[in-house]
């Protein structure tokens, strides 16, 4: 097979996975865990509104902390987290507040 045929073959496998019930079940669990974090923190914010909360996370956990920060407007300090602007938009969140709420520390070296 040439490169174009191989690429097409791999693409068809990836597309069939994303349209399968398996992919939907895998990501359903991830969405439920994300929502459980949002629900927990929302409860804490309501129970103790005078307390200051900060989120933190590293790598993908930092990405989740950024998304929760955008959703609940809670400051976050993350380490080597990925960019989440497109993900935030896909979730219906406004990514603009992240500029003032999140500090992403990326060590040099």
PDB file of N, CA and C in Angstrom:
ATOM      1  N   UNK A   1       0.831  -1.188   0.000  1.00  0.00           N
ATOM      2  CA  UNK A   1       0.000   0.000   0.000  1.00  0.00           C
ATOM      3  C   UNK A   1       0.875   1.252   0.000  1.00  0.00           C
ATOM      4  N   UNK A   2       0.422   2.247  -0.710  1.00  0.00           N
ATOM      5  CA  UNK A   2       1.140   3.518  -0.657  1.00  0.00           C
ATOM      6  C   UNK A   2       0.640   4.314   0.553  1.00  0.00           C
ATOM      7  N   UNK A   3       1.264   5.453   0.759  1.00  0.00           N
ATOM      8  CA  UNK A   3       0.940   6.249   1.945  1.00  0.00           C
ATOM      9  C   UNK A   3      -0.531   6.660   1.977  1.00  0.00           C
ATOM     10  N   UNK A   4      -1.064   7.118   0.859  1.00  0.00           N
ATOM     11  CA  UNK A   4      -2.457   7.569   0.814  1.00  0.00           C
ATOM     12  C   UNK A   4      -3.412   6.433   1.167  1.00  0.00           C
ATOM     13  N   UNK A   5      -3.134   5.230   0.694  1.00  0.00           N
ATOM     14  CA  UNK A   5      -3.996   4.091   1.018  1.00  0.00           C
ATOM     15  C   UNK A   5      -3.911   3.754   2.499  1.00  0.00           C
ATOM     16  N   UNK A   6      -2.683   3.799   3.049  1.00  0.00           N
ATOM     17  CA  UNK A   6      -2.511   3.497   4.468  1.00  0.00           C
ATOM     18  C   UNK A   6      -3.219   4.546   5.324  1.00  0.00           C
ATOM     19  N   UNK A   7      -3.081   5.808   4.955  1.00  0.00           N
ATOM     20  CA  UNK A   7      -3.707   6.884   5.700  1.00  0.00           C
ATOM     21  C   UNK A   7      -5.224   6.741   5.653  1.00  0.00           C
ATOM     22  N   UNK A   8      -5.754   6.424   4.505  1.00  0.00           N
ATOM     23  CA  UNK A   8      -7.196   6.239   4.347  1.00  0.00           C
ATOM     24  C   UNK A   8      -7.689   5.073   5.196  1.00  0.00           C
ATOM     25  N   UNK A   9      -6.912   3.980   5.222  1.00  0.00           N
ATOM     26  CA  UNK A   9      -7.279   2.800   5.999  1.00  0.00           C
ATOM     27  C   UNK A   9      -7.322   3.136   7.490  1.00  0.00           C
ATOM     28  N   UNK A  10      -6.279   3.810   7.987  1.00  0.00           N
ATOM     29  CA  UNK A  10      -6.224   4.183   9.398  1.00  0.00           C
ATOM     30  C   UNK A  10      -7.367   5.145   9.721  1.00  0.00           C
ATOM     31  N   UNK A  11      -7.621   6.093   8.825  1.00  0.00           N
ATOM     32  CA  UNK A  11      -8.710   7.037   9.037  1.00  0.00           C
ATOM     33  C   UNK A  11     -10.055   6.348   9.155  1.00  0.00           C
ATOM     34  N   UNK A  12     -10.279   5.306   8.357  1.00  0.00           N
ATOM     35  CA  UNK A  12     -11.561   4.608   8.431  1.00  0.00           C
ATOM     36  C   UNK A  12     -11.708   3.870   9.758  1.00  0.00           C
ATOM     37  N   UNK A  13     -10.615   3.350  10.288  1.00  0.00           N
ATOM     38  CA  UNK A  13     -10.654   2.672  11.592  1.00  0.00           C
ATOM     39  C   UNK A  13     -10.974   3.691  12.700  1.00  0.00           C
ATOM     40  N   UNK A  14     -10.298   4.838  12.659  1.00  0.00           N
ATOM     41  CA  UNK A  14     -10.534   5.877  13.667  1.00  0.00           C
ATOM     42  C   UNK A  14     -11.985   6.367  13.601  1.00  0.00           C
ATOM     43  N   UNK A  15     -12.468   6.614  12.392  1.00  0.00           N
ATOM     44  CA  UNK A  15     -13.849   7.075  12.238  1.00  0.00           C
ATOM     45  C   UNK A  15     -14.848   6.042  12.745  1.00  0.00           C
ATOM     46  N   UNK A  16     -14.596   4.776  12.492  1.00  0.00           N
ATOM     47  CA  UNK A  16     -15.534   3.753  12.951  1.00  0.00           C
ATOM     48  C   UNK A  16     -15.521   3.651  14.477  1.00  0.00           C
ATOM     49  N   UNK A  17     -14.348   3.869  15.101  1.00  0.00           N
ATOM     50  CA  UNK A  17     -14.291   3.857  16.564  1.00  0.00           C
ATOM     51  C   UNK A  17     -15.130   4.990  17.144  1.00  0.00           C
ATOM     52  N   UNK A  18     -14.952   6.227  16.622  1.00  0.00           N
ATOM     53  CA  UNK A  18     -15.662   7.378  17.168  1.00  0.00           C
ATOM     54  C   UNK A  18     -17.159   7.285  16.970  1.00  0.00           C
ATOM     55  N   UNK A  19     -17.595   6.556  15.952  1.00  0.00           N
ATOM     56  CA  UNK A  19     -19.036   6.428  15.738  1.00  0.00           C
ATOM     57  C   UNK A  19     -19.613   5.204  16.448  1.00  0.00           C
ATOM     58  N   UNK A  20     -18.769   4.451  17.133  1.00  0.00           N
ATOM     59  CA  UNK A  20     -19.234   3.236  17.817  1.00  0.00           C
ATOM     60  C   UNK A  20     -19.797   3.551  19.202  1.00  0.00           C
ATOM     61  N   UNK A  21     -20.537   2.601  19.734  1.00  0.00           N
ATOM     62  CA  UNK A  21     -21.058   2.725  21.095  1.00  0.00           C
ATOM     63  C   UNK A  21     -19.948   2.691  22.129  1.00  0.00           C
ATOM     64  N   UNK A  22     -18.833   2.014  21.812  1.00  0.00           N
ATOM     65  CA  UNK A  22     -17.708   1.919  22.737  1.00  0.00           C
ATOM     66  C   UNK A  22     -17.162   3.305  23.065  1.00  0.00           C
ATOM     67  N   UNK A  23     -16.925   4.113  22.038  1.00  0.00           N
ATOM     68  CA  UNK A  23     -16.392   5.460  22.263  1.00  0.00           C
ATOM     69  C   UNK A  23     -17.357   6.285  23.105  1.00  0.00           C
ATOM     70  N   UNK A  24     -18.636   6.174  22.832  1.00  0.00           N
ATOM     71  CA  UNK A  24     -19.623   6.946  23.597  1.00  0.00           C
ATOM     72  C   UNK A  24     -19.604   6.544  25.063  1.00  0.00           C
ATOM     73  N   UNK A  25     -19.450   5.244  25.354  1.00  0.00           N
ATOM     74  CA  UNK A  25     -19.407   4.779  26.739  1.00  0.00           C
ATOM     75  C   UNK A  25     -18.138   5.224  27.452  1.00  0.00           C
ATOM     76  N   UNK A  26     -17.002   5.205  26.737  1.00  0.00           N
ATOM     77  CA  UNK A  26     -15.737   5.632  27.333  1.00  0.00           C
ATOM     78  C   UNK A  26     -15.837   7.092  27.754  1.00  0.00           C
ATOM     79  N   UNK A  27     -16.322   7.937  26.858  1.00  0.00           N
ATOM     80  CA  UNK A  27     -16.369   9.362  27.155  1.00  0.00           C
ATOM     81  C   UNK A  27     -17.537   9.750  28.042  1.00  0.00           C
ATOM     82  N   UNK A  28     -18.545   8.911  28.124  1.00  0.00           N
ATOM     83  CA  UNK A  28     -19.641   9.162  29.065  1.00  0.00           C
ATOM     84  C   UNK A  28     -19.089   9.152  30.491  1.00  0.00           C
ATOM     85  N   UNK A  29     -18.231   8.174  30.778  1.00  0.00           N
ATOM     86  CA  UNK A  29     -17.617   8.087  32.098  1.00  0.00           C
ATOM     87  C   UNK A  29     -16.762   9.294  32.410  1.00  0.00           C
ATOM     88  N   UNK A  30     -16.014   9.784  31.428  1.00  0.00           N
ATOM     89  CA  UNK A  30     -15.172  10.962  31.642  1.00  0.00           C
ATOM     90  C   UNK A  30     -16.020  12.207  31.886  1.00  0.00           C
ATOM     91  N   UNK A  31     -17.108  12.346  31.136  1.00  0.00           N
ATOM     92  CA  UNK A  31     -18.000  13.491  31.343  1.00  0.00           C
ATOM     93  C   UNK A  31     -18.622  13.432  32.735  1.00  0.00           C
ATOM     94  N   UNK A  32     -18.987  12.234  33.182  1.00  0.00           N
ATOM     95  CA  UNK A  32     -19.589  12.092  34.511  1.00  0.00           C
ATOM     96  C   UNK A  32     -18.591  12.453  35.603  1.00  0.00           C
ATOM     97  N   UNK A  33     -17.321  12.061  35.447  1.00  0.00           N
ATOM     98  CA  UNK A  33     -16.306  12.414  36.442  1.00  0.00           C
ATOM     99  C   UNK A  33     -16.059  13.917  36.468  1.00  0.00           C
ATOM    100  N   UNK A  34     -16.003  14.524  35.278  1.00  0.00           N
ATOM    101  CA  UNK A  34     -15.830  15.982  35.211  1.00  0.00           C
ATOM    102  C   UNK A  34     -16.996  16.668  35.929  1.00  0.00           C
ATOM    103  N   UNK A  35     -18.204  16.221  35.630  1.00  0.00           N
ATOM    104  CA  UNK A  35     -19.387  16.832  36.245  1.00  0.00           C
ATOM    105  C   UNK A  35     -19.382  16.629  37.756  1.00  0.00           C
ATOM    106  N   UNK A  36     -18.859  15.502  38.234  1.00  0.00           N
ATOM    107  CA  UNK A  36     -18.804  15.274  39.678  1.00  0.00           C
ATOM    108  C   UNK A  36     -17.859  16.274  40.349  1.00  0.00           C
ATOM    109  N   UNK A  37     -16.776  16.652  39.673  1.00  0.00           N
ATOM    110  CA  UNK A  37     -15.861  17.670  40.213  1.00  0.00           C
ATOM    111  C   UNK A  37     -16.574  19.018  40.271  1.00  0.00           C
ATOM    112  N   UNK A  38     -17.267  19.368  39.197  1.00  0.00           N
ATOM    113  CA  UNK A  38     -18.005  20.636  39.153  1.00  0.00           C
ATOM    114  C   UNK A  38     -19.072  20.661  40.247  1.00  0.00           C
ATOM    115  N   UNK A  39     -19.809  19.571  40.393  1.00  0.00           N
ATOM    116  CA  UNK A  39     -20.862  19.506  41.416  1.00  0.00           C
ATOM    117  C   UNK A  39     -20.285  19.626  42.822  1.00  0.00           C
ATOM    118  N   UNK A  40     -19.169  18.926  43.076  1.00  0.00           N
ATOM    119  CA  UNK A  40     -18.548  18.979  44.402  1.00  0.00           C
ATOM    120  C   UNK A  40     -18.103  20.402  44.722  1.00  0.00           C
ATOM    121  N   UNK A  41     -17.391  21.030  43.784  1.00  0.00           N
ATOM    122  CA  UNK A  41     -16.891  22.374  44.044  1.00  0.00           C
ATOM    123  C   UNK A  41     -18.031  23.382  44.147  1.00  0.00           C
ATOM    124  N   UNK A  42     -19.066  23.213  43.352  1.00  0.00           N
ATOM    125  CA  UNK A  42     -20.241  24.092  43.462  1.00  0.00           C
ATOM    126  C   UNK A  42     -20.848  23.997  44.848  1.00  0.00           C
ATOM    127  N   UNK A  43     -20.928  22.779  45.375  1.00  0.00           N
ATOM    128  CA  UNK A  43     -21.439  22.579  46.728  1.00  0.00           C
ATOM    129  C   UNK A  43     -20.577  23.242  47.781  1.00  0.00           C
ATOM    130  N   UNK A  44     -19.255  23.128  47.614  1.00  0.00           N
ATOM    131  CA  UNK A  44     -18.334  23.759  48.569  1.00  0.00           C
ATOM    132  C   UNK A  44     -18.445  25.279  48.513  1.00  0.00           C
ATOM    133  N   UNK A  45     -18.556  25.825  47.296  1.00  0.00           N
ATOM    134  CA  UNK A  45     -18.686  27.272  47.133  1.00  0.00           C
ATOM    135  C   UNK A  45     -19.973  27.785  47.780  1.00  0.00           C
ATOM    136  N   UNK A  46     -21.042  27.016  47.651  1.00  0.00           N
ATOM    137  CA  UNK A  46     -22.331  27.402  48.254  1.00  0.00           C
ATOM    138  C   UNK A  46     -22.300  27.279  49.771  1.00  0.00           C
ATOM    139  N   UNK A  47     -21.661  26.228  50.258  1.00  0.00           N
ATOM    140  CA  UNK A  47     -21.631  25.969  51.696  1.00  0.00           C
ATOM    141  C   UNK A  47     -20.758  26.971  52.448  1.00  0.00           C
ATOM    142  N   UNK A  48     -19.729  27.485  51.788  1.00  0.00           N
ATOM    143  CA  UNK A  48     -18.795  28.392  52.451  1.00  0.00           C
ATOM    144  C   UNK A  48     -18.422  29.526  51.490  1.00  0.00           C
ATOM    145  N   UNK A  49     -19.366  30.439  51.231  1.00  0.00           N
ATOM    146  CA  UNK A  49     -19.146  31.468  50.202  1.00  0.00           C
ATOM    147  C   UNK A  49     -18.056  32.491  50.547  1.00  0.00           C
ATOM    148  N   UNK A  50     -17.680  32.603  51.809  1.00  0.00           N
ATOM    149  CA  UNK A  50     -16.653  33.571  52.200  1.00  0.00           C
ATOM    150  C   UNK A  50     -15.243  33.009  52.083  1.00  0.00           C
ATOM    151  N   UNK A  51     -15.132  31.740  51.790  1.00  0.00           N
ATOM    152  CA  UNK A  51     -13.830  31.088  51.669  1.00  0.00           C
ATOM    153  C   UNK A  51     -13.290  31.255  50.260  1.00  0.00           C
ATOM    154  N   UNK A  52     -11.979  31.413  50.131  1.00  0.00           N
ATOM    155  CA  UNK A  52     -11.345  31.509  48.815  1.00  0.00           C
ATOM    156  C   UNK A  52     -10.812  30.137  48.425  1.00  0.00           C
ATOM    157  N   UNK A  53     -11.199  29.694  47.242  1.00  0.00           N
ATOM    158  CA  UNK A  53     -10.752  28.404  46.725  1.00  0.00           C
ATOM    159  C   UNK A  53      -9.842  28.615  45.525  1.00  0.00           C
ATOM    160  N   UNK A  54      -8.868  27.723  45.375  1.00  0.00           N
ATOM    161  CA  UNK A  54      -7.996  27.707  44.204  1.00  0.00           C
ATOM    162  C   UNK A  54      -7.973  26.286  43.662  1.00  0.00           C
ATOM    163  N   UNK A  55      -7.948  26.170  42.367  1.00  0.00           N
ATOM    164  CA  UNK A  55      -7.805  24.859  41.732  1.00  0.00           C
ATOM    165  C   UNK A  55      -6.356  24.688  41.312  1.00  0.00           C
ATOM    166  N   UNK A  56      -5.919  23.444  41.233  1.00  0.00           N
ATOM    167  CA  UNK A  56      -4.578  23.176  40.734  1.00  0.00           C
ATOM    168  C   UNK A  56      -4.596  21.843  40.003  1.00  0.00           C
ATOM    169  N   UNK A  57      -3.598  21.646  39.181  1.00  0.00           N
ATOM    170  CA  UNK A  57      -3.476  20.382  38.469  1.00  0.00           C
ATOM    171  C   UNK A  57      -2.239  20.389  37.606  1.00  0.00           C
ATOM    172  N   UNK A  58      -1.801  19.203  37.248  1.00  0.00           N
ATOM    173  CA  UNK A  58      -0.631  19.038  36.398  1.00  0.00           C
ATOM    174  C   UNK A  58      -1.030  18.311  35.127  1.00  0.00           C
ATOM    175  N   UNK A  59      -0.521  18.760  34.019  1.00  0.00           N
ATOM    176  CA  UNK A  59      -0.744  18.128  32.723  1.00  0.00           C
ATOM    177  C   UNK A  59      -2.240  18.068  32.415  1.00  0.00           C
ATOM    178  N   UNK A  60      -2.788  16.893  32.158  1.00  0.00           N
ATOM    179  CA  UNK A  60      -4.211  16.816  31.829  1.00  0.00           C
ATOM    180  C   UNK A  60      -5.097  17.215  33.009  1.00  0.00           C
ATOM    181  N   UNK A  61      -4.624  16.951  34.224  1.00  0.00           N
ATOM    182  CA  UNK A  61      -5.358  17.419  35.402  1.00  0.00           C
ATOM    183  C   UNK A  61      -5.404  18.940  35.449  1.00  0.00           C
ATOM    184  N   UNK A  62      -4.353  19.582  34.953  1.00  0.00           N
ATOM    185  CA  UNK A  62      -4.348  21.033  34.835  1.00  0.00           C
ATOM    186  C   UNK A  62      -5.344  21.513  33.793  1.00  0.00           C
ATOM    187  N   UNK A  63      -5.493  20.731  32.725  1.00  0.00           N
ATOM    188  CA  UNK A  63      -6.495  21.064  31.715  1.00  0.00           C
ATOM    189  C   UNK A  63      -7.896  21.020  32.304  1.00  0.00           C
ATOM    190  N   UNK A  64      -8.157  20.004  33.111  1.00  0.00           N
ATOM    191  CA  UNK A  64      -9.466  19.898  33.766  1.00  0.00           C
ATOM    192  C   UNK A  64      -9.658  21.062  34.739  1.00  0.00           C
ATOM    193  N   UNK A  65      -8.613  21.394  35.487  1.00  0.00           N
ATOM    194  CA  UNK A  65      -8.708  22.520  36.416  1.00  0.00           C
ATOM    195  C   UNK A  65      -9.023  23.818  35.661  1.00  0.00           C
ATOM    196  N   UNK A  66      -8.445  23.999  34.478  1.00  0.00           N
ATOM    197  CA  UNK A  66      -8.728  25.196  33.685  1.00  0.00           C
ATOM    198  C   UNK A  66     -10.197  25.233  33.251  1.00  0.00           C
ATOM    199  N   UNK A  67     -10.724  24.089  32.833  1.00  0.00           N
ATOM    200  CA  UNK A  67     -12.119  24.040  32.386  1.00  0.00           C
ATOM    201  C   UNK A  67     -13.076  24.306  33.541  1.00  0.00           C
ATOM    202  N   UNK A  68     -12.795  23.721  34.697  1.00  0.00           N
ATOM    203  CA  UNK A  68     -13.644  23.966  35.871  1.00  0.00           C
ATOM    204  C   UNK A  68     -13.537  25.443  36.267  1.00  0.00           C
ATOM    205  N   UNK A  69     -12.344  26.000  36.171  1.00  0.00           N
ATOM    206  CA  UNK A  69     -12.147  27.415  36.453  1.00  0.00           C
ATOM    207  C   UNK A  69     -12.999  28.287  35.539  1.00  0.00           C
ATOM    208  N   UNK A  70     -13.024  27.954  34.256  1.00  0.00           N
ATOM    209  CA  UNK A  70     -13.833  28.725  33.305  1.00  0.00           C
ATOM    210  C   UNK A  70     -15.315  28.602  33.622  1.00  0.00           C
ATOM    211  N   UNK A  71     -15.723  27.423  34.064  1.00  0.00           N
ATOM    212  CA  UNK A  71     -17.137  27.191  34.329  1.00  0.00           C
ATOM    213  C   UNK A  71     -17.601  27.857  35.620  1.00  0.00           C
ATOM    214  N   UNK A  72     -16.785  27.772  36.670  1.00  0.00           N
ATOM    215  CA  UNK A  72     -17.213  28.261  37.989  1.00  0.00           C
ATOM    216  C   UNK A  72     -16.572  29.583  38.387  1.00  0.00           C
ATOM    217  N   UNK A  73     -15.683  30.100  37.561  1.00  0.00           N
ATOM    218  CA  UNK A  73     -14.993  31.378  37.844  1.00  0.00           C
ATOM    219  C   UNK A  73     -14.194  31.321  39.137  1.00  0.00           C
ATOM    220  N   UNK A  74     -13.435  30.209  39.291  1.00  0.00           N
ATOM    221  CA  UNK A  74     -12.565  29.998  40.438  1.00  0.00           C
ATOM    222  C   UNK A  74     -11.122  30.047  39.936  1.00  0.00           C
ATOM    223  N   UNK A  75     -10.223  30.785  40.600  1.00  0.00           N
ATOM    224  CA  UNK A  75      -8.845  30.862  40.121  1.00  0.00           C
ATOM    225  C   UNK A  75      -8.131  29.513  40.167  1.00  0.00           C
ATOM    226  N   UNK A  76      -7.169  29.350  39.251  1.00  0.00           N
ATOM    227  CA  UNK A  76      -6.426  28.091  39.180  1.00  0.00           C
ATOM    228  C   UNK A  76      -4.959  28.362  38.886  1.00  0.00           C
ATOM    229  N   UNK A  77      -4.105  27.521  39.473  1.00  0.00           N
ATOM    230  CA  UNK A  77      -2.678  27.501  39.158  1.00  0.00           C
ATOM    231  C   UNK A  77      -2.395  26.094  38.653  1.00  0.00           C
ATOM    232  N   UNK A  78      -1.936  26.003  37.416  1.00  0.00           N
ATOM    233  CA  UNK A  78      -1.706  24.693  36.807  1.00  0.00           C
ATOM    234  C   UNK A  78      -0.265  24.593  36.322  1.00  0.00           C
ATOM    235  N   UNK A  79       0.208  23.378  36.185  1.00  0.00           N
ATOM    236  CA  UNK A  79       1.587  23.147  35.769  1.00  0.00           C
ATOM    237  C   UNK A  79       1.588  22.328  34.482  1.00  0.00           C
ATOM    238  N   UNK A  80       2.200  22.892  33.457  1.00  0.00           N
ATOM    239  CA  UNK A  80       2.351  22.223  32.151  1.00  0.00           C
ATOM    240  C   UNK A  80       1.019  21.691  31.620  1.00  0.00           C
ATOM    241  N   UNK A  81       0.001  22.497  31.719  1.00  0.00           N
ATOM    242  CA  UNK A  81      -1.331  22.088  31.253  1.00  0.00           C
ATOM    243  C   UNK A  81      -1.485  22.414  29.766  1.00  0.00           C
ATOM    244  N   UNK A  82      -2.294  21.632  29.067  1.00  0.00           N
ATOM    245  CA  UNK A  82      -2.529  21.917  27.647  1.00  0.00           C
ATOM    246  C   UNK A  82      -3.453  23.126  27.499  1.00  0.00           C
ATOM    247  N   UNK A  83      -3.454  23.692  26.309  1.00  0.00           N
ATOM    248  CA  UNK A  83      -4.402  24.756  26.013  1.00  0.00           C
ATOM    249  C   UNK A  83      -5.808  24.184  25.946  1.00  0.00           C
ATOM    250  N   UNK A  84      -6.793  24.930  26.425  1.00  0.00           N
ATOM    251  CA  UNK A  84      -8.161  24.402  26.471  1.00  0.00           C
ATOM    252  C   UNK A  84      -9.194  25.341  25.847  1.00  0.00           C
ATOM    253  N   UNK A  85      -8.742  26.319  25.085  1.00  0.00           N
ATOM    254  CA  UNK A  85      -9.686  27.287  24.521  1.00  0.00           C
ATOM    255  C   UNK A  85     -10.724  26.589  23.650  1.00  0.00           C
ATOM    256  N   UNK A  86     -10.277  25.748  22.737  1.00  0.00           N
ATOM    257  CA  UNK A  86     -11.227  25.059  21.852  1.00  0.00           C
ATOM    258  C   UNK A  86     -12.136  24.113  22.627  1.00  0.00           C
ATOM    259  N   UNK A  87     -11.584  23.408  23.601  1.00  0.00           N
ATOM    260  CA  UNK A  87     -12.394  22.496  24.415  1.00  0.00           C
ATOM    261  C   UNK A  87     -13.440  23.282  25.199  1.00  0.00           C
ATOM    262  N   UNK A  88     -13.038  24.405  25.775  1.00  0.00           N
ATOM    263  CA  UNK A  88     -13.984  25.234  26.527  1.00  0.00           C
ATOM    264  C   UNK A  88     -15.127  25.678  25.615  1.00  0.00           C
ATOM    265  N   UNK A  89     -14.799  26.088  24.404  1.00  0.00           N
ATOM    266  CA  UNK A  89     -15.840  26.522  23.472  1.00  0.00           C
ATOM    267  C   UNK A  89     -16.768  25.368  23.113  1.00  0.00           C
ATOM    268  N   UNK A  90     -16.205  24.164  22.927  1.00  0.00           N
ATOM    269  CA  UNK A  90     -17.032  22.999  22.618  1.00  0.00           C
ATOM    270  C   UNK A  90     -17.988  22.673  23.761  1.00  0.00           C
ATOM    271  N   UNK A  91     -17.563  22.962  24.990  1.00  0.00           N
ATOM    272  CA  UNK A  91     -18.410  22.711  26.160  1.00  0.00           C
ATOM    273  C   UNK A  91     -19.382  23.852  26.427  1.00  0.00           C
ATOM    274  N   UNK A  92     -19.336  24.878  25.590  1.00  0.00           N
ATOM    275  CA  UNK A  92     -20.231  26.015  25.775  1.00  0.00           C
ATOM    276  C   UNK A  92     -19.752  26.994  26.834  1.00  0.00           C
ATOM    277  N   UNK A  93     -18.456  26.922  27.163  1.00  0.00           N
ATOM    278  CA  UNK A  93     -17.891  27.825  28.167  1.00  0.00           C
ATOM    279  C   UNK A  93     -17.200  28.994  27.479  1.00  0.00           C
ATOM    280  N   UNK A  94     -17.182  30.133  28.131  1.00  0.00           N
ATOM    281  CA  UNK A  94     -16.475  31.289  27.611  1.00  0.00           C
ATOM    282  C   UNK A  94     -15.014  31.187  28.039  1.00  0.00           C
ATOM    283  N   UNK A  95     -14.076  31.005  27.100  1.00  0.00           N
ATOM    284  CA  UNK A  95     -12.669  30.856  27.490  1.00  0.00           C
ATOM    285  C   UNK A  95     -11.995  32.177  27.870  1.00  0.00           C
ATOM    286  N   UNK A  96     -12.630  33.310  27.580  1.00  0.00           N
ATOM    287  CA  UNK A  96     -12.012  34.610  27.840  1.00  0.00           C
ATOM    288  C   UNK A  96     -11.635  34.822  29.308  1.00  0.00           C
ATOM    289  N   UNK A  97     -12.485  34.454  30.276  1.00  0.00           N
ATOM    290  CA  UNK A  97     -12.109  34.665  31.683  1.00  0.00           C
ATOM    291  C   UNK A  97     -10.863  33.885  32.116  1.00  0.00           C
ATOM    292  N   UNK A  98     -10.471  32.877  31.347  1.00  0.00           N
ATOM    293  CA  UNK A  98      -9.291  32.101  31.726  1.00  0.00           C
ATOM    294  C   UNK A  98      -8.038  32.973  31.793  1.00  0.00           C
ATOM    295  N   UNK A  99      -7.993  34.033  30.986  1.00  0.00           N
ATOM    296  CA  UNK A  99      -6.814  34.905  30.996  1.00  0.00           C
ATOM    297  C   UNK A  99      -6.554  35.506  32.368  1.00  0.00           C
ATOM    298  N   UNK A 100      -7.578  35.849  33.087  1.00  0.00           N
ATOM    299  CA  UNK A 100      -7.386  36.447  34.397  1.00  0.00           C
ATOM    300  C   UNK A 100      -7.492  35.465  35.550  1.00  0.00           C
ATOM    301  N   UNK A 101      -7.992  34.261  35.282  1.00  0.00           N
ATOM    302  CA  UNK A 101      -8.229  33.290  36.358  1.00  0.00           C
ATOM    303  C   UNK A 101      -7.149  32.219  36.477  1.00  0.00           C
ATOM    304  N   UNK A 102      -6.465  31.929  35.394  1.00  0.00           N
ATOM    305  CA  UNK A 102      -5.555  30.776  35.378  1.00  0.00           C
ATOM    306  C   UNK A 102      -4.120  31.210  35.125  1.00  0.00           C
ATOM    307  N   UNK A 103      -3.217  30.639  35.920  1.00  0.00           N
ATOM    308  CA  UNK A 103      -1.791  30.779  35.688  1.00  0.00           C
ATOM    309  C   UNK A 103      -1.266  29.400  35.339  1.00  0.00           C
ATOM    310  N   UNK A 104      -0.661  29.275  34.161  1.00  0.00           N
ATOM    311  CA  UNK A 104      -0.100  28.005  33.713  1.00  0.00           C
ATOM    312  C   UNK A 104       1.409  28.095  33.810  1.00  0.00           C
ATOM    313  N   UNK A 105       2.002  27.364  34.742  1.00  0.00           N
ATOM    314  CA  UNK A 105       3.450  27.370  34.954  1.00  0.00           C
ATOM    315  C   UNK A 105       4.056  26.270  34.089  1.00  0.00           C
ATOM    316  N   UNK A 106       4.961  26.683  33.203  1.00  0.00           N
ATOM    317  CA  UNK A 106       5.637  25.718  32.329  1.00  0.00           C
ATOM    318  C   UNK A 106       7.129  25.812  32.608  1.00  0.00           C
ATOM    319  N   UNK A 107       7.677  24.837  33.347  1.00  0.00           N
ATOM    320  CA  UNK A 107       9.100  24.878  33.699  1.00  0.00           C
ATOM    321  C   UNK A 107       9.991  24.872  32.453  1.00  0.00           C
ATOM    322  N   UNK A 108      11.091  25.572  32.547  1.00  0.00           N
ATOM    323  CA  UNK A 108      12.056  25.608  31.453  1.00  0.00           C
ATOM    324  C   UNK A 108      13.061  24.477  31.615  1.00  0.00           C
ATOM    325  N   UNK A 109      13.152  23.647  30.597  1.00  0.00           N
ATOM    326  CA  UNK A 109      14.145  22.571  30.620  1.00  0.00           C
ATOM    327  C   UNK A 109      13.550  21.321  31.000  1.00  0.00           C
TER     328      UNK A 109
END
